[in-house]
Amino acid sequence: MDKKKTTNKVSGPQDKQLDNTASEFQRARILAELKKAGPEGRTTIQLREELNVLHPAGRIMELREFGCDIRTVWTVSENAFGYKHRNARYVLIGGGQNG
């Protein structure tokens, strides 16, 4: 029996597959997600677990270098196992027109 590989996709203008771990695709997924999230932003944990980005802080730093205004708010949230962690919540300011 042949099994077809299923891939999750992120909705948005980039529509990049989650299994592509190249930095440029991770940045595109993060930027699309932060645009969608608005002032609520997304946490490091959410970006890791939902977008398959192992090192969100590094990708955020790169997005900032490309001109995106992304603010960091420190928060405490739970991971998928229910453990609480202090982690960053990233908020895109101004819609990321420069990214």
PDB file of N, CA and C in Angstrom:
ATOM      1  N   MET A   1       0.845  -1.187   0.000  1.00  0.00           N
ATOM      2  CA  MET A   1       0.000   0.000   0.000  1.00  0.00           C
ATOM      3  C   MET A   1       0.881   1.237   0.000  1.00  0.00           C
ATOM      4  N   ASP A   2       0.651   2.137  -0.917  1.00  0.00           N
ATOM      5  CA  ASP A   2       1.414   3.378  -0.985  1.00  0.00           C
ATOM      6  C   ASP A   2       0.787   4.405  -0.069  1.00  0.00           C
ATOM      7  N   LYS A   3       1.652   5.002   0.747  1.00  0.00           N
ATOM      8  CA  LYS A   3       1.184   6.081   1.608  1.00  0.00           C
ATOM      9  C   LYS A   3       1.593   7.399   0.981  1.00  0.00           C
ATOM     10  N   LYS A   4       0.646   8.286   0.897  1.00  0.00           N
ATOM     11  CA  LYS A   4       0.960   9.614   0.392  1.00  0.00           C
ATOM     12  C   LYS A   4       1.375  10.478   1.567  1.00  0.00           C
ATOM     13  N   LYS A   5       2.449  11.209   1.362  1.00  0.00           N
ATOM     14  CA  LYS A   5       2.923  12.113   2.402  1.00  0.00           C
ATOM     15  C   LYS A   5       2.009  13.334   2.455  1.00  0.00           C
ATOM     16  N   THR A   6       1.529  13.627   3.643  1.00  0.00           N
ATOM     17  CA  THR A   6       0.703  14.818   3.806  1.00  0.00           C
ATOM     18  C   THR A   6       1.581  15.918   4.371  1.00  0.00           C
ATOM     19  N   THR A   7       1.391  17.113   3.898  1.00  0.00           N
ATOM     20  CA  THR A   7       2.150  18.256   4.395  1.00  0.00           C
ATOM     21  C   THR A   7       1.185  19.309   4.891  1.00  0.00           C
ATOM     22  N   ASN A   8       1.563  19.911   5.989  1.00  0.00           N
ATOM     23  CA  ASN A   8       0.781  21.022   6.524  1.00  0.00           C
ATOM     24  C   ASN A   8       1.248  22.286   5.842  1.00  0.00           C
ATOM     25  N   LYS A   9       0.324  23.194   5.613  1.00  0.00           N
ATOM     26  CA  LYS A   9       0.684  24.456   5.002  1.00  0.00           C
ATOM     27  C   LYS A   9       0.219  25.592   5.895  1.00  0.00           C
ATOM     28  N   VAL A  10       0.946  26.667   5.822  1.00  0.00           N
ATOM     29  CA  VAL A  10       0.579  27.884   6.528  1.00  0.00           C
ATOM     30  C   VAL A  10      -0.232  28.726   5.564  1.00  0.00           C
ATOM     31  N   SER A  11      -1.412  29.139   5.999  1.00  0.00           N
ATOM     32  CA  SER A  11      -2.209  29.986   5.118  1.00  0.00           C
ATOM     33  C   SER A  11      -1.615  31.384   5.107  1.00  0.00           C
ATOM     34  N   GLY A  12      -1.717  32.025   4.020  1.00  0.00           N
ATOM     35  CA  GLY A  12      -1.176  33.364   3.899  1.00  0.00           C
ATOM     36  C   GLY A  12      -0.553  33.550   2.535  1.00  0.00           C
ATOM     37  N   PRO A  13      -0.020  34.737   2.295  1.00  0.00           N
ATOM     38  CA  PRO A  13       0.499  35.019   0.970  1.00  0.00           C
ATOM     39  C   PRO A  13       1.668  34.127   0.568  1.00  0.00           C
ATOM     40  N   GLN A  14       2.485  33.680   1.522  1.00  0.00           N
ATOM     41  CA  GLN A  14       3.623  32.849   1.188  1.00  0.00           C
ATOM     42  C   GLN A  14       3.224  31.400   0.980  1.00  0.00           C
ATOM     43  N   ASP A  15       2.262  30.892   1.753  1.00  0.00           N
ATOM     44  CA  ASP A  15       1.760  29.532   1.630  1.00  0.00           C
ATOM     45  C   ASP A  15       2.906  28.513   1.559  1.00  0.00           C
ATOM     46  N   LYS A  16       3.868  28.620   2.480  1.00  0.00           N
ATOM     47  CA  LYS A  16       5.042  27.756   2.491  1.00  0.00           C
ATOM     48  C   LYS A  16       4.773  26.511   3.320  1.00  0.00           C
ATOM     49  N   GLN A  17       5.315  25.402   2.877  1.00  0.00           N
ATOM     50  CA  GLN A  17       5.134  24.144   3.580  1.00  0.00           C
ATOM     51  C   GLN A  17       5.961  24.127   4.859  1.00  0.00           C
ATOM     52  N   LEU A  18       5.401  23.504   5.887  1.00  0.00           N
ATOM     53  CA  LEU A  18       6.067  23.460   7.180  1.00  0.00           C
ATOM     54  C   LEU A  18       7.308  22.588   7.181  1.00  0.00           C
ATOM     55  N   ASP A  19       7.427  21.665   6.237  1.00  0.00           N
ATOM     56  CA  ASP A  19       8.595  20.784   6.251  1.00  0.00           C
ATOM     57  C   ASP A  19       9.818  21.420   5.595  1.00  0.00           C
ATOM     58  N   ASN A  20       9.701  22.608   5.060  1.00  0.00           N
ATOM     59  CA  ASN A  20      10.855  23.296   4.495  1.00  0.00           C
ATOM     60  C   ASN A  20      11.508  24.102   5.608  1.00  0.00           C
ATOM     61  N   THR A  21      12.707  23.689   6.014  1.00  0.00           N
ATOM     62  CA  THR A  21      13.363  24.319   7.153  1.00  0.00           C
ATOM     63  C   THR A  21      14.419  25.342   6.748  1.00  0.00           C
ATOM     64  N   ALA A  22      14.479  25.707   5.482  1.00  0.00           N
ATOM     65  CA  ALA A  22      15.409  26.755   5.054  1.00  0.00           C
ATOM     66  C   ALA A  22      15.034  28.060   5.761  1.00  0.00           C
ATOM     67  N   SER A  23      16.045  28.815   6.146  1.00  0.00           N
ATOM     68  CA  SER A  23      15.817  30.055   6.904  1.00  0.00           C
ATOM     69  C   SER A  23      14.852  30.994   6.211  1.00  0.00           C
ATOM     70  N   GLU A  24      14.972  31.131   4.894  1.00  0.00           N
ATOM     71  CA  GLU A  24      14.097  32.063   4.179  1.00  0.00           C
ATOM     72  C   GLU A  24      12.625  31.652   4.290  1.00  0.00           C
ATOM     73  N   PHE A  25      12.352  30.351   4.273  1.00  0.00           N
ATOM     74  CA  PHE A  25      10.981  29.870   4.399  1.00  0.00           C
ATOM     75  C   PHE A  25      10.482  30.033   5.836  1.00  0.00           C
ATOM     76  N   GLN A  26      11.366  29.818   6.807  1.00  0.00           N
ATOM     77  CA  GLN A  26      10.982  30.028   8.198  1.00  0.00           C
ATOM     78  C   GLN A  26      10.656  31.494   8.440  1.00  0.00           C
ATOM     79  N   ARG A  27      11.469  32.400   7.905  1.00  0.00           N
ATOM     80  CA  ARG A  27      11.188  33.834   8.064  1.00  0.00           C
ATOM     81  C   ARG A  27       9.853  34.196   7.422  1.00  0.00           C
ATOM     82  N   ALA A  28       9.587  33.647   6.237  1.00  0.00           N
ATOM     83  CA  ALA A  28       8.321  33.940   5.549  1.00  0.00           C
ATOM     84  C   ALA A  28       7.135  33.456   6.373  1.00  0.00           C
ATOM     85  N   ARG A  29       7.252  32.263   6.961  1.00  0.00           N
ATOM     86  CA  ARG A  29       6.152  31.733   7.791  1.00  0.00           C
ATOM     87  C   ARG A  29       5.943  32.595   9.020  1.00  0.00           C
ATOM     88  N   ILE A  30       7.035  32.994   9.663  1.00  0.00           N
ATOM     89  CA  ILE A  30       6.919  33.832  10.865  1.00  0.00           C
ATOM     90  C   ILE A  30       6.280  35.168  10.512  1.00  0.00           C
ATOM     91  N   LEU A  31       6.762  35.805   9.459  1.00  0.00           N
ATOM     92  CA  LEU A  31       6.233  37.121   9.084  1.00  0.00           C
ATOM     93  C   LEU A  31       4.745  37.037   8.748  1.00  0.00           C
ATOM     94  N   ALA A  32       4.347  36.024   7.999  1.00  0.00           N
ATOM     95  CA  ALA A  32       2.932  35.860   7.667  1.00  0.00           C
ATOM     96  C   ALA A  32       2.106  35.641   8.933  1.00  0.00           C
ATOM     97  N   GLU A  33       2.623  34.849   9.855  1.00  0.00           N
ATOM     98  CA  GLU A  33       1.899  34.571  11.100  1.00  0.00           C
ATOM     99  C   GLU A  33       1.798  35.809  11.973  1.00  0.00           C
ATOM    100  N   LEU A  34       2.872  36.597  12.062  1.00  0.00           N
ATOM    101  CA  LEU A  34       2.831  37.819  12.874  1.00  0.00           C
ATOM    102  C   LEU A  34       1.884  38.847  12.272  1.00  0.00           C
ATOM    103  N   LYS A  35       1.826  38.917  10.943  1.00  0.00           N
ATOM    104  CA  LYS A  35       0.863  39.822  10.294  1.00  0.00           C
ATOM    105  C   LYS A  35      -0.558  39.402  10.630  1.00  0.00           C
ATOM    106  N   LYS A  36      -0.804  38.112  10.594  1.00  0.00           N
ATOM    107  CA  LYS A  36      -2.137  37.569  10.889  1.00  0.00           C
ATOM    108  C   LYS A  36      -2.496  37.753  12.365  1.00  0.00           C
ATOM    109  N   ALA A  37      -1.509  37.630  13.246  1.00  0.00           N
ATOM    110  CA  ALA A  37      -1.758  37.685  14.696  1.00  0.00           C
ATOM    111  C   ALA A  37      -2.087  39.082  15.191  1.00  0.00           C
ATOM    112  N   GLY A  38      -1.609  40.098  14.511  1.00  0.00           N
ATOM    113  CA  GLY A  38      -1.861  41.462  14.943  1.00  0.00           C
ATOM    114  C   GLY A  38      -1.207  41.767  16.276  1.00  0.00           C
ATOM    115  N   PRO A  39      -1.873  42.576  17.115  1.00  0.00           N
ATOM    116  CA  PRO A  39      -1.273  42.995  18.379  1.00  0.00           C
ATOM    117  C   PRO A  39      -1.117  41.864  19.396  1.00  0.00           C
ATOM    118  N   GLU A  40      -1.786  40.735  19.160  1.00  0.00           N
ATOM    119  CA  GLU A  40      -1.640  39.591  20.070  1.00  0.00           C
ATOM    120  C   GLU A  40      -0.252  38.967  19.944  1.00  0.00           C
ATOM    121  N   GLY A  41       0.320  39.009  18.743  1.00  0.00           N
ATOM    122  CA  GLY A  41       1.636  38.448  18.514  1.00  0.00           C
ATOM    123  C   GLY A  41       1.659  36.936  18.666  1.00  0.00           C
ATOM    124  N   ARG A  42       2.838  36.377  18.655  1.00  0.00           N
ATOM    125  CA  ARG A  42       3.039  34.943  18.834  1.00  0.00           C
ATOM    126  C   ARG A  42       4.253  34.705  19.711  1.00  0.00           C
ATOM    127  N   THR A  43       4.198  33.664  20.519  1.00  0.00           N
ATOM    128  CA  THR A  43       5.300  33.347  21.425  1.00  0.00           C
ATOM    129  C   THR A  43       6.323  32.440  20.743  1.00  0.00           C
ATOM    130  N   THR A  44       7.488  32.378  21.358  1.00  0.00           N
ATOM    131  CA  THR A  44       8.520  31.461  20.898  1.00  0.00           C
ATOM    132  C   THR A  44       7.977  30.040  20.841  1.00  0.00           C
ATOM    133  N   ILE A  45       7.246  29.638  21.850  1.00  0.00           N
ATOM    134  CA  ILE A  45       6.682  28.284  21.904  1.00  0.00           C
ATOM    135  C   ILE A  45       5.729  28.061  20.739  1.00  0.00           C
ATOM    136  N   GLN A  46       4.853  29.023  20.463  1.00  0.00           N
ATOM    137  CA  GLN A  46       3.909  28.877  19.353  1.00  0.00           C
ATOM    138  C   GLN A  46       4.639  28.767  18.021  1.00  0.00           C
ATOM    139  N   LEU A  47       5.656  29.582  17.818  1.00  0.00           N
ATOM    140  CA  LEU A  47       6.394  29.549  16.559  1.00  0.00           C
ATOM    141  C   LEU A  47       7.115  28.216  16.377  1.00  0.00           C
ATOM    142  N   ARG A  48       7.642  27.671  17.473  1.00  0.00           N
ATOM    143  CA  ARG A  48       8.303  26.362  17.389  1.00  0.00           C
ATOM    144  C   ARG A  48       7.304  25.259  17.068  1.00  0.00           C
ATOM    145  N   GLU A  49       6.220  25.222  17.833  1.00  0.00           N
ATOM    146  CA  GLU A  49       5.289  24.095  17.739  1.00  0.00           C
ATOM    147  C   GLU A  49       4.346  24.181  16.543  1.00  0.00           C
ATOM    148  N   GLU A  50       3.947  25.379  16.146  1.00  0.00           N
ATOM    149  CA  GLU A  50       2.955  25.524  15.082  1.00  0.00           C
ATOM    150  C   GLU A  50       3.569  25.781  13.704  1.00  0.00           C
ATOM    151  N   LEU A  51       4.774  26.360  13.673  1.00  0.00           N
ATOM    152  CA  LEU A  51       5.374  26.716  12.392  1.00  0.00           C
ATOM    153  C   LEU A  51       6.661  25.962  12.091  1.00  0.00           C
ATOM    154  N   ASN A  52       7.059  25.054  12.986  1.00  0.00           N
ATOM    155  CA  ASN A  52       8.269  24.256  12.777  1.00  0.00           C
ATOM    156  C   ASN A  52       9.501  25.138  12.608  1.00  0.00           C
ATOM    157  N   VAL A  53       9.661  26.097  13.520  1.00  0.00           N
ATOM    158  CA  VAL A  53      10.836  26.963  13.532  1.00  0.00           C
ATOM    159  C   VAL A  53      11.584  26.659  14.823  1.00  0.00           C
ATOM    160  N   LEU A  54      12.732  26.000  14.711  1.00  0.00           N
ATOM    161  CA  LEU A  54      13.457  25.557  15.899  1.00  0.00           C
ATOM    162  C   LEU A  54      14.034  26.723  16.694  1.00  0.00           C
ATOM    163  N   HIS A  55      14.524  27.760  16.007  1.00  0.00           N
ATOM    164  CA  HIS A  55      15.169  28.886  16.680  1.00  0.00           C
ATOM    165  C   HIS A  55      14.493  30.201  16.271  1.00  0.00           C
ATOM    166  N   PRO A  56      13.282  30.440  16.816  1.00  0.00           N
ATOM    167  CA  PRO A  56      12.550  31.645  16.425  1.00  0.00           C
ATOM    168  C   PRO A  56      13.324  32.944  16.667  1.00  0.00           C
ATOM    169  N   ALA A  57      14.078  33.020  17.754  1.00  0.00           N
ATOM    170  CA  ALA A  57      14.800  34.257  18.060  1.00  0.00           C
ATOM    171  C   ALA A  57      15.781  34.619  16.947  1.00  0.00           C
ATOM    172  N   GLY A  58      16.432  33.624  16.380  1.00  0.00           N
ATOM    173  CA  GLY A  58      17.357  33.877  15.281  1.00  0.00           C
ATOM    174  C   GLY A  58      16.654  34.389  14.044  1.00  0.00           C
ATOM    175  N   ARG A  59      15.504  33.802  13.730  1.00  0.00           N
ATOM    176  CA  ARG A  59      14.749  34.250  12.560  1.00  0.00           C
ATOM    177  C   ARG A  59      14.186  35.650  12.786  1.00  0.00           C
ATOM    178  N   ILE A  60      13.743  35.945  14.021  1.00  0.00           N
ATOM    179  CA  ILE A  60      13.243  37.285  14.354  1.00  0.00           C
ATOM    180  C   ILE A  60      14.362  38.303  14.198  1.00  0.00           C
ATOM    181  N   MET A  61      15.561  37.961  14.658  1.00  0.00           N
ATOM    182  CA  MET A  61      16.712  38.854  14.516  1.00  0.00           C
ATOM    183  C   MET A  61      16.976  39.158  13.038  1.00  0.00           C
ATOM    184  N   GLU A  62      16.894  38.132  12.193  1.00  0.00           N
ATOM    185  CA  GLU A  62      17.101  38.332  10.761  1.00  0.00           C
ATOM    186  C   GLU A  62      16.013  39.218  10.164  1.00  0.00           C
ATOM    187  N   LEU A  63      14.759  39.000  10.562  1.00  0.00           N
ATOM    188  CA  LEU A  63      13.669  39.849  10.078  1.00  0.00           C
ATOM    189  C   LEU A  63      13.894  41.303  10.487  1.00  0.00           C
ATOM    190  N   ARG A  64      14.381  41.521  11.693  1.00  0.00           N
ATOM    191  CA  ARG A  64      14.691  42.887  12.134  1.00  0.00           C
ATOM    192  C   ARG A  64      15.796  43.495  11.283  1.00  0.00           C
ATOM    193  N   GLU A  65      16.802  42.682  10.939  1.00  0.00           N
ATOM    194  CA  GLU A  65      17.888  43.170  10.081  1.00  0.00           C
ATOM    195  C   GLU A  65      17.371  43.555   8.696  1.00  0.00           C
ATOM    196  N   PHE A  66      16.293  42.912   8.242  1.00  0.00           N
ATOM    197  CA  PHE A  66      15.671  43.241   6.961  1.00  0.00           C
ATOM    198  C   PHE A  66      14.722  44.442   7.074  1.00  0.00           C
ATOM    199  N   GLY A  67      14.586  45.005   8.267  1.00  0.00           N
ATOM    200  CA  GLY A  67      13.797  46.216   8.435  1.00  0.00           C
ATOM    201  C   GLY A  67      12.442  46.050   9.094  1.00  0.00           C
ATOM    202  N   CYS A  68      12.083  44.845   9.507  1.00  0.00           N
ATOM    203  CA  CYS A  68      10.794  44.636  10.183  1.00  0.00           C
ATOM    204  C   CYS A  68      10.873  45.152  11.618  1.00  0.00           C
ATOM    205  N   ASP A  69       9.860  45.877  12.021  1.00  0.00           N
ATOM    206  CA  ASP A  69       9.775  46.382  13.391  1.00  0.00           C
ATOM    207  C   ASP A  69       9.012  45.350  14.220  1.00  0.00           C
ATOM    208  N   ILE A  70       9.756  44.503  14.919  1.00  0.00           N
ATOM    209  CA  ILE A  70       9.160  43.443  15.738  1.00  0.00           C
ATOM    210  C   ILE A  70       9.568  43.685  17.178  1.00  0.00           C
ATOM    211  N   ARG A  71       8.576  43.817  18.038  1.00  0.00           N
ATOM    212  CA  ARG A  71       8.814  44.066  19.460  1.00  0.00           C
ATOM    213  C   ARG A  71       8.751  42.763  20.240  1.00  0.00           C
ATOM    214  N   THR A  72       9.506  42.718  21.329  1.00  0.00           N
ATOM    215  CA  THR A  72       9.520  41.556  22.213  1.00  0.00           C
ATOM    216  C   THR A  72       8.863  41.928  23.533  1.00  0.00           C
ATOM    217  N   VAL A  73       7.898  41.117  23.945  1.00  0.00           N
ATOM    218  CA  VAL A  73       7.241  41.258  25.242  1.00  0.00           C
ATOM    219  C   VAL A  73       7.488  39.947  25.982  1.00  0.00           C
ATOM    220  N   TRP A  74       8.070  40.013  27.162  1.00  0.00           N
ATOM    221  CA  TRP A  74       8.353  38.787  27.918  1.00  0.00           C
ATOM    222  C   TRP A  74       7.091  38.299  28.618  1.00  0.00           C
ATOM    223  N   THR A  75       6.861  37.017  28.540  1.00  0.00           N
ATOM    224  CA  THR A  75       5.643  36.415  29.058  1.00  0.00           C
ATOM    225  C   THR A  75       5.937  35.020  29.593  1.00  0.00           C
ATOM    226  N   VAL A  76       4.978  34.425  30.265  1.00  0.00           N
ATOM    227  CA  VAL A  76       5.072  33.037  30.713  1.00  0.00           C
ATOM    228  C   VAL A  76       3.927  32.285  30.051  1.00  0.00           C
ATOM    229  N   SER A  77       4.258  31.191  29.373  1.00  0.00           N
ATOM    230  CA  SER A  77       3.223  30.379  28.732  1.00  0.00           C
ATOM    231  C   SER A  77       3.616  28.912  28.781  1.00  0.00           C
ATOM    232  N   GLU A  78       2.633  28.063  28.517  1.00  0.00           N
ATOM    233  CA  GLU A  78       2.839  26.617  28.585  1.00  0.00           C
ATOM    234  C   GLU A  78       3.206  26.047  27.227  1.00  0.00           C
ATOM    235  N   ASN A  79       4.068  25.026  27.270  1.00  0.00           N
ATOM    236  CA  ASN A  79       4.372  24.312  26.034  1.00  0.00           C
ATOM    237  C   ASN A  79       3.366  23.181  25.844  1.00  0.00           C
ATOM    238  N   ALA A  80       3.563  22.351  24.829  1.00  0.00           N
ATOM    239  CA  ALA A  80       2.621  21.271  24.520  1.00  0.00           C
ATOM    240  C   ALA A  80       2.497  20.244  25.635  1.00  0.00           C
ATOM    241  N   PHE A  81       3.487  20.176  26.518  1.00  0.00           N
ATOM    242  CA  PHE A  81       3.479  19.209  27.617  1.00  0.00           C
ATOM    243  C   PHE A  81       2.921  19.788  28.910  1.00  0.00           C
ATOM    244  N   GLY A  82       2.525  21.075  28.879  1.00  0.00           N
ATOM    245  CA  GLY A  82       1.946  21.710  30.048  1.00  0.00           C
ATOM    246  C   GLY A  82       2.954  22.361  30.973  1.00  0.00           C
ATOM    247  N   TYR A  83       4.221  22.396  30.583  1.00  0.00           N
ATOM    248  CA  TYR A  83       5.245  23.039  31.406  1.00  0.00           C
ATOM    249  C   TYR A  83       5.284  24.523  31.104  1.00  0.00           C
ATOM    250  N   LYS A  84       5.390  25.326  32.154  1.00  0.00           N
ATOM    251  CA  LYS A  84       5.434  26.772  31.985  1.00  0.00           C
ATOM    252  C   LYS A  84       6.876  27.233  31.762  1.00  0.00           C
ATOM    253  N   HIS A  85       7.008  28.170  30.828  1.00  0.00           N
ATOM    254  CA  HIS A  85       8.307  28.721  30.500  1.00  0.00           C
ATOM    255  C   HIS A  85       8.191  30.228  30.315  1.00  0.00           C
ATOM    256  N   ARG A  86       9.220  30.955  30.751  1.00  0.00           N
ATOM    257  CA  ARG A  86       9.311  32.374  30.414  1.00  0.00           C
ATOM    258  C   ARG A  86       9.831  32.423  28.986  1.00  0.00           C
ATOM    259  N   ASN A  87       9.095  33.104  28.126  1.00  0.00           N
ATOM    260  CA  ASN A  87       9.507  33.179  26.734  1.00  0.00           C
ATOM    261  C   ASN A  87       9.032  34.472  26.107  1.00  0.00           C
ATOM    262  N   ALA A  88       9.569  34.732  24.937  1.00  0.00           N
ATOM    263  CA  ALA A  88       9.254  35.979  24.236  1.00  0.00           C
ATOM    264  C   ALA A  88       7.939  35.854  23.480  1.00  0.00           C
ATOM    265  N   ARG A  89       7.186  36.950  23.469  1.00  0.00           N
ATOM    266  CA  ARG A  89       6.036  37.103  22.596  1.00  0.00           C
ATOM    267  C   ARG A  89       6.419  38.193  21.615  1.00  0.00           C
ATOM    268  N   TYR A  90       6.389  37.850  20.336  1.00  0.00           N
ATOM    269  CA  TYR A  90       6.801  38.794  19.298  1.00  0.00           C
ATOM    270  C   TYR A  90       5.592  39.444  18.671  1.00  0.00           C
ATOM    271  N   VAL A  91       5.669  40.779  18.523  1.00  0.00           N
ATOM    272  CA  VAL A  91       4.573  41.558  17.944  1.00  0.00           C
ATOM    273  C   VAL A  91       5.120  42.392  16.804  1.00  0.00           C
ATOM    274  N   LEU A  92       4.519  42.253  15.631  1.00  0.00           N
ATOM    275  CA  LEU A  92       4.914  43.032  14.462  1.00  0.00           C
ATOM    276  C   LEU A  92       4.226  44.381  14.535  1.00  0.00           C
ATOM    277  N   ILE A  93       5.012  45.443  14.415  1.00  0.00           N
ATOM    278  CA  ILE A  93       4.487  46.803  14.469  1.00  0.00           C
ATOM    279  C   ILE A  93       4.386  47.346  13.044  1.00  0.00           C
ATOM    280  N   GLY A  94       3.262  47.921  12.701  1.00  0.00           N
ATOM    281  CA  GLY A  94       3.096  48.571  11.418  1.00  0.00           C
ATOM    282  C   GLY A  94       2.893  47.655  10.224  1.00  0.00           C
ATOM    283  N   GLY A  95       2.604  46.384  10.448  1.00  0.00           N
ATOM    284  CA  GLY A  95       2.290  45.488   9.353  1.00  0.00           C
ATOM    285  C   GLY A  95       3.457  44.946   8.563  1.00  0.00           C
ATOM    286  N   GLY A  96       4.678  45.304   8.938  1.00  0.00           N
ATOM    287  CA  GLY A  96       5.869  44.739   8.298  1.00  0.00           C
ATOM    288  C   GLY A  96       6.079  45.157   6.859  1.00  0.00           C
ATOM    289  N   GLN A  97       5.737  46.398   6.523  1.00  0.00           N
ATOM    290  CA  GLN A  97       5.891  46.845   5.140  1.00  0.00           C
ATOM    291  C   GLN A  97       7.345  46.780   4.680  1.00  0.00           C
ATOM    292  N   ASN A  98       8.277  46.904   5.609  1.00  0.00           N
ATOM    293  CA  ASN A  98       9.698  46.886   5.224  1.00  0.00           C
ATOM    294  C   ASN A  98      10.257  45.489   5.128  1.00  0.00           C
ATOM    295  N   GLY A  99       9.467  44.440   5.518  1.00  0.00           N
ATOM    296  CA  GLY A  99       9.998  43.080   5.504  1.00  0.00           C
ATOM    297  C   GLY A  99       9.708  42.446   4.242  1.00  0.00           C
TER     298      GLY A  99
END
